[in-house]
N, C-alpha and C. Protein backbone atom coordinates (compact mmCIF):
# COMPACT_ATOMS: atom_id res chain seq x y z
N MET A 1 0.81 -1.19 0.00
CA MET A 1 0.00 0.00 0.00
C MET A 1 0.86 1.26 0.00
N LYS A 2 1.97 1.21 0.77
CA LYS A 2 2.87 2.36 0.82
C LYS A 2 3.47 2.62 -0.56
N LEU A 3 3.81 1.55 -1.27
CA LEU A 3 4.37 1.69 -2.60
C LEU A 3 3.36 2.34 -3.54
N PHE A 4 2.10 1.96 -3.42
CA PHE A 4 1.05 2.54 -4.26
C PHE A 4 0.92 4.04 -3.99
N ARG A 5 0.91 4.44 -2.72
CA ARG A 5 0.80 5.86 -2.38
C ARG A 5 2.01 6.63 -2.88
N TRP A 6 3.19 6.07 -2.70
CA TRP A 6 4.40 6.74 -3.14
C TRP A 6 4.40 6.91 -4.66
N THR A 7 4.04 5.85 -5.37
CA THR A 7 3.98 5.90 -6.83
C THR A 7 2.94 6.92 -7.29
N SER A 8 1.79 6.93 -6.63
CA SER A 8 0.74 7.90 -6.97
C SER A 8 1.22 9.32 -6.75
N ALA A 9 1.92 9.56 -5.65
CA ALA A 9 2.43 10.90 -5.36
C ALA A 9 3.44 11.34 -6.41
N VAL A 10 4.33 10.45 -6.79
CA VAL A 10 5.33 10.77 -7.81
C VAL A 10 4.66 11.09 -9.14
N CYS A 11 3.67 10.31 -9.51
CA CYS A 11 2.95 10.55 -10.76
C CYS A 11 2.21 11.88 -10.72
N LEU A 12 1.62 12.22 -9.58
CA LEU A 12 0.91 13.48 -9.44
C LEU A 12 1.86 14.65 -9.57
N VAL A 13 3.01 14.58 -8.92
CA VAL A 13 4.01 15.65 -9.02
C VAL A 13 4.49 15.77 -10.46
N GLY A 14 4.72 14.66 -11.12
CA GLY A 14 5.14 14.68 -12.52
C GLY A 14 4.09 15.29 -13.42
N ALA A 15 2.82 14.97 -13.16
CA ALA A 15 1.74 15.52 -13.98
C ALA A 15 1.61 17.02 -13.77
N VAL A 16 1.75 17.48 -12.54
CA VAL A 16 1.68 18.93 -12.27
C VAL A 16 2.83 19.64 -12.97
N GLY A 17 4.01 19.05 -12.92
CA GLY A 17 5.16 19.64 -13.60
C GLY A 17 4.95 19.70 -15.10
N ALA A 18 4.35 18.66 -15.66
CA ALA A 18 4.09 18.65 -17.11
C ALA A 18 3.09 19.71 -17.49
N VAL A 19 2.06 19.91 -16.66
CA VAL A 19 1.06 20.94 -16.95
C VAL A 19 1.70 22.31 -16.88
N GLN A 20 2.54 22.54 -15.87
CA GLN A 20 3.22 23.82 -15.76
C GLN A 20 4.14 24.04 -16.95
N ALA A 21 4.85 22.99 -17.35
CA ALA A 21 5.75 23.12 -18.50
C ALA A 21 4.97 23.39 -19.77
N ALA A 22 3.80 22.76 -19.91
CA ALA A 22 2.98 22.98 -21.09
C ALA A 22 2.42 24.39 -21.11
N GLY A 23 2.17 24.96 -19.93
CA GLY A 23 1.63 26.31 -19.85
C GLY A 23 2.65 27.37 -20.21
N GLN A 24 3.91 27.09 -20.00
CA GLN A 24 4.97 28.04 -20.27
C GLN A 24 6.03 27.36 -21.13
N PRO A 25 5.91 27.48 -22.44
CA PRO A 25 6.88 26.81 -23.31
C PRO A 25 8.29 27.39 -23.12
N ASP A 26 9.25 26.55 -23.32
CA ASP A 26 10.65 26.94 -23.19
C ASP A 26 11.03 27.85 -24.36
N PRO A 27 11.40 29.10 -24.08
CA PRO A 27 11.74 30.02 -25.17
C PRO A 27 13.02 29.63 -25.90
N ASN A 28 13.81 28.76 -25.29
CA ASN A 28 15.08 28.34 -25.90
C ASN A 28 15.01 26.96 -26.52
N LEU A 29 13.82 26.37 -26.59
CA LEU A 29 13.70 25.00 -27.08
C LEU A 29 14.22 24.85 -28.50
N ALA A 30 13.84 25.73 -29.40
CA ALA A 30 14.29 25.62 -30.80
C ALA A 30 15.81 25.72 -30.87
N ARG A 31 16.38 26.67 -30.15
CA ARG A 31 17.84 26.83 -30.15
C ARG A 31 18.52 25.59 -29.59
N ASN A 32 17.97 25.04 -28.50
CA ASN A 32 18.56 23.86 -27.89
C ASN A 32 18.48 22.64 -28.79
N LEU A 33 17.36 22.48 -29.47
CA LEU A 33 17.24 21.36 -30.41
C LEU A 33 18.22 21.53 -31.58
N ALA A 34 18.32 22.75 -32.08
CA ALA A 34 19.20 23.03 -33.22
C ALA A 34 20.68 22.89 -32.84
N ALA A 35 20.99 23.05 -31.57
CA ALA A 35 22.38 22.93 -31.13
C ALA A 35 22.94 21.54 -31.38
N THR A 36 22.06 20.54 -31.46
CA THR A 36 22.53 19.18 -31.71
C THR A 36 23.09 19.03 -33.13
N CYS A 37 22.79 19.99 -33.99
CA CYS A 37 23.24 19.94 -35.38
C CYS A 37 24.62 20.59 -35.56
N ALA A 38 25.09 21.27 -34.52
CA ALA A 38 26.31 22.08 -34.63
C ALA A 38 27.56 21.27 -34.96
N ASN A 39 27.64 20.04 -34.49
CA ASN A 39 28.84 19.25 -34.74
C ASN A 39 29.14 19.10 -36.23
N CYS A 40 28.11 18.95 -37.01
CA CYS A 40 28.30 18.75 -38.45
C CYS A 40 28.01 20.00 -39.28
N HIS A 41 27.03 20.79 -38.85
CA HIS A 41 26.57 21.92 -39.66
C HIS A 41 27.01 23.27 -39.11
N GLY A 42 27.83 23.29 -38.09
CA GLY A 42 28.37 24.52 -37.55
C GLY A 42 27.43 25.22 -36.58
N THR A 43 28.00 26.12 -35.80
CA THR A 43 27.23 26.88 -34.83
C THR A 43 26.17 27.70 -35.54
N ASN A 44 24.94 27.57 -35.08
CA ASN A 44 23.79 28.27 -35.65
C ASN A 44 23.62 28.00 -37.15
N GLY A 45 24.12 26.87 -37.60
CA GLY A 45 23.93 26.48 -39.00
C GLY A 45 24.93 27.05 -39.97
N HIS A 46 25.98 27.68 -39.46
CA HIS A 46 27.02 28.26 -40.32
C HIS A 46 28.15 27.24 -40.47
N ALA A 47 28.02 26.40 -41.47
CA ALA A 47 28.97 25.32 -41.69
C ALA A 47 30.33 25.87 -42.07
N VAL A 48 31.36 25.13 -41.69
CA VAL A 48 32.72 25.49 -42.06
C VAL A 48 32.90 25.23 -43.55
N ALA A 49 33.39 26.23 -44.25
CA ALA A 49 33.60 26.10 -45.70
C ALA A 49 34.55 24.94 -45.99
N GLY A 50 34.19 24.13 -46.96
CA GLY A 50 35.02 23.01 -47.37
C GLY A 50 34.88 21.77 -46.51
N ALA A 51 34.04 21.81 -45.49
CA ALA A 51 33.88 20.66 -44.61
C ALA A 51 32.98 19.58 -45.23
N GLY A 52 32.23 19.95 -46.27
CA GLY A 52 31.39 18.97 -46.94
C GLY A 52 29.98 18.86 -46.41
N ASN A 53 29.62 19.67 -45.44
CA ASN A 53 28.26 19.65 -44.90
C ASN A 53 27.54 20.93 -45.30
N ASP A 54 26.24 20.81 -45.53
CA ASP A 54 25.45 21.97 -45.93
C ASP A 54 25.36 22.99 -44.80
N ALA A 55 25.40 24.28 -45.18
CA ALA A 55 25.08 25.34 -44.23
C ALA A 55 23.57 25.38 -44.12
N LEU A 56 23.06 25.47 -42.91
CA LEU A 56 21.63 25.47 -42.69
C LEU A 56 21.08 26.87 -42.44
N ALA A 57 21.93 27.78 -42.01
CA ALA A 57 21.49 29.14 -41.67
C ALA A 57 20.90 29.84 -42.89
N GLY A 58 19.70 30.39 -42.71
CA GLY A 58 19.05 31.15 -43.77
C GLY A 58 18.35 30.31 -44.83
N THR A 59 18.39 29.01 -44.71
CA THR A 59 17.72 28.14 -45.68
C THR A 59 16.22 28.18 -45.41
N ASP A 60 15.43 28.16 -46.46
CA ASP A 60 13.98 28.19 -46.35
C ASP A 60 13.48 27.07 -45.44
N LYS A 61 12.55 27.42 -44.55
CA LYS A 61 12.01 26.46 -43.58
C LYS A 61 11.40 25.25 -44.27
N GLU A 62 10.59 25.47 -45.27
CA GLU A 62 9.92 24.35 -45.94
C GLU A 62 10.93 23.43 -46.64
N LYS A 63 11.98 24.01 -47.18
CA LYS A 63 13.02 23.22 -47.83
C LYS A 63 13.74 22.34 -46.80
N LEU A 64 14.05 22.92 -45.65
CA LEU A 64 14.69 22.14 -44.59
C LEU A 64 13.77 21.03 -44.08
N LEU A 65 12.51 21.37 -43.88
CA LEU A 65 11.55 20.36 -43.43
C LEU A 65 11.44 19.21 -44.42
N GLN A 66 11.40 19.53 -45.69
CA GLN A 66 11.30 18.47 -46.69
C GLN A 66 12.53 17.58 -46.66
N LYS A 67 13.71 18.17 -46.51
CA LYS A 67 14.93 17.35 -46.42
C LYS A 67 14.88 16.44 -45.21
N LEU A 68 14.46 17.01 -44.08
CA LEU A 68 14.39 16.21 -42.86
C LEU A 68 13.39 15.07 -43.00
N ARG A 69 12.26 15.36 -43.60
CA ARG A 69 11.25 14.32 -43.83
C ARG A 69 11.78 13.25 -44.78
N ASP A 70 12.51 13.68 -45.81
CA ASP A 70 13.09 12.72 -46.75
C ASP A 70 14.15 11.85 -46.08
N PHE A 71 14.94 12.43 -45.19
CA PHE A 71 15.91 11.63 -44.43
C PHE A 71 15.17 10.61 -43.57
N ARG A 72 14.12 11.07 -42.89
CA ARG A 72 13.37 10.20 -41.98
C ARG A 72 12.73 9.03 -42.73
N SER A 73 12.19 9.30 -43.91
CA SER A 73 11.51 8.25 -44.67
C SER A 73 12.49 7.34 -45.41
N GLY A 74 13.72 7.79 -45.57
CA GLY A 74 14.70 7.01 -46.33
C GLY A 74 14.75 7.40 -47.79
N ALA A 75 13.94 8.38 -48.21
CA ALA A 75 13.93 8.81 -49.61
C ALA A 75 15.22 9.52 -50.00
N LYS A 76 15.89 10.12 -49.03
CA LYS A 76 17.16 10.82 -49.29
C LYS A 76 18.25 10.02 -48.57
N PRO A 77 19.26 9.56 -49.31
CA PRO A 77 20.31 8.76 -48.70
C PRO A 77 21.18 9.61 -47.76
N ALA A 78 21.66 8.97 -46.72
CA ALA A 78 22.50 9.66 -45.74
C ALA A 78 23.31 8.64 -44.96
N THR A 79 24.34 9.12 -44.31
CA THR A 79 25.12 8.24 -43.45
C THR A 79 24.53 8.18 -42.05
N ILE A 80 24.09 9.33 -41.52
CA ILE A 80 23.56 9.35 -40.17
C ILE A 80 22.27 10.15 -40.03
N MET A 81 21.97 11.03 -40.98
CA MET A 81 20.81 11.90 -40.85
C MET A 81 19.49 11.15 -40.77
N HIS A 82 19.40 9.98 -41.40
CA HIS A 82 18.14 9.23 -41.30
C HIS A 82 17.89 8.79 -39.87
N GLN A 83 18.94 8.45 -39.13
CA GLN A 83 18.78 8.06 -37.74
C GLN A 83 18.48 9.27 -36.87
N ILE A 84 19.18 10.36 -37.09
CA ILE A 84 18.98 11.56 -36.29
C ILE A 84 17.56 12.10 -36.47
N SER A 85 17.11 12.19 -37.70
CA SER A 85 15.79 12.77 -37.97
C SER A 85 14.66 11.93 -37.37
N LYS A 86 14.86 10.64 -37.22
CA LYS A 86 13.83 9.79 -36.62
C LYS A 86 13.73 10.02 -35.11
N GLY A 87 14.71 10.68 -34.53
CA GLY A 87 14.71 10.95 -33.09
C GLY A 87 13.89 12.16 -32.69
N TYR A 88 13.33 12.87 -33.66
CA TYR A 88 12.56 14.08 -33.37
C TYR A 88 11.11 13.90 -33.79
N THR A 89 10.23 14.58 -33.08
CA THR A 89 8.83 14.62 -33.48
C THR A 89 8.69 15.60 -34.64
N GLU A 90 7.54 15.58 -35.29
CA GLU A 90 7.29 16.52 -36.38
C GLU A 90 7.35 17.96 -35.87
N ALA A 91 6.80 18.19 -34.68
CA ALA A 91 6.82 19.54 -34.09
C ALA A 91 8.24 20.00 -33.81
N GLN A 92 9.10 19.09 -33.35
CA GLN A 92 10.49 19.44 -33.09
C GLN A 92 11.23 19.75 -34.38
N LEU A 93 10.95 18.96 -35.43
CA LEU A 93 11.58 19.24 -36.72
C LEU A 93 11.16 20.61 -37.24
N GLU A 94 9.91 20.98 -37.03
CA GLU A 94 9.45 22.30 -37.46
C GLU A 94 10.16 23.40 -36.69
N LEU A 95 10.36 23.21 -35.39
CA LEU A 95 11.10 24.19 -34.59
C LEU A 95 12.53 24.34 -35.08
N ILE A 96 13.17 23.22 -35.36
CA ILE A 96 14.55 23.25 -35.84
C ILE A 96 14.64 23.97 -37.18
N ALA A 97 13.75 23.62 -38.10
CA ALA A 97 13.76 24.24 -39.43
C ALA A 97 13.49 25.74 -39.33
N ALA A 98 12.55 26.14 -38.49
CA ALA A 98 12.25 27.56 -38.32
C ALA A 98 13.44 28.29 -37.71
N TYR A 99 14.11 27.66 -36.77
CA TYR A 99 15.28 28.28 -36.14
C TYR A 99 16.36 28.56 -37.17
N PHE A 100 16.69 27.56 -37.97
CA PHE A 100 17.74 27.74 -38.97
C PHE A 100 17.33 28.73 -40.06
N ALA A 101 16.07 28.72 -40.43
CA ALA A 101 15.59 29.66 -41.44
C ALA A 101 15.73 31.11 -40.96
N ALA A 102 15.62 31.32 -39.65
CA ALA A 102 15.71 32.68 -39.10
C ALA A 102 17.14 33.15 -38.92
N GLN A 103 18.11 32.24 -39.03
CA GLN A 103 19.51 32.63 -38.86
C GLN A 103 20.01 33.34 -40.11
N LYS A 104 20.85 34.30 -39.92
CA LYS A 104 21.44 35.06 -41.04
C LYS A 104 22.91 34.75 -41.18
C-alpha cells in the first residue's frame, strides 16, 4: 500500500510539472534542439567552408523540413541523418527548421 501511495504521489508531481511546463513553453527549445546539429553543420547552422556539410542558416524552412522528412523516410540517402531525424517529433523538426531559417 505504501508503494502505491508513493507511486501515486510521484505521478501526481510529474503531472503537475508537465502541466506547468505545457503552460509556459521553453523560449530556448528551438535553439537547444538546433544545437545538436552544430557538430556537423556549424554553430547556428554556419557550416565550415570546405567541410562537406550543408550550411543550414538562412535556408527556407519548408526546404529544410522536406529534407528532414526525406531523411526520416529514407527517400534521401545519408550516413547518419536518417537516424537523427527519426529521433525528433514533427513539431520538433518544425522548430529546428524555423530556427535555422531565421539565422542570417
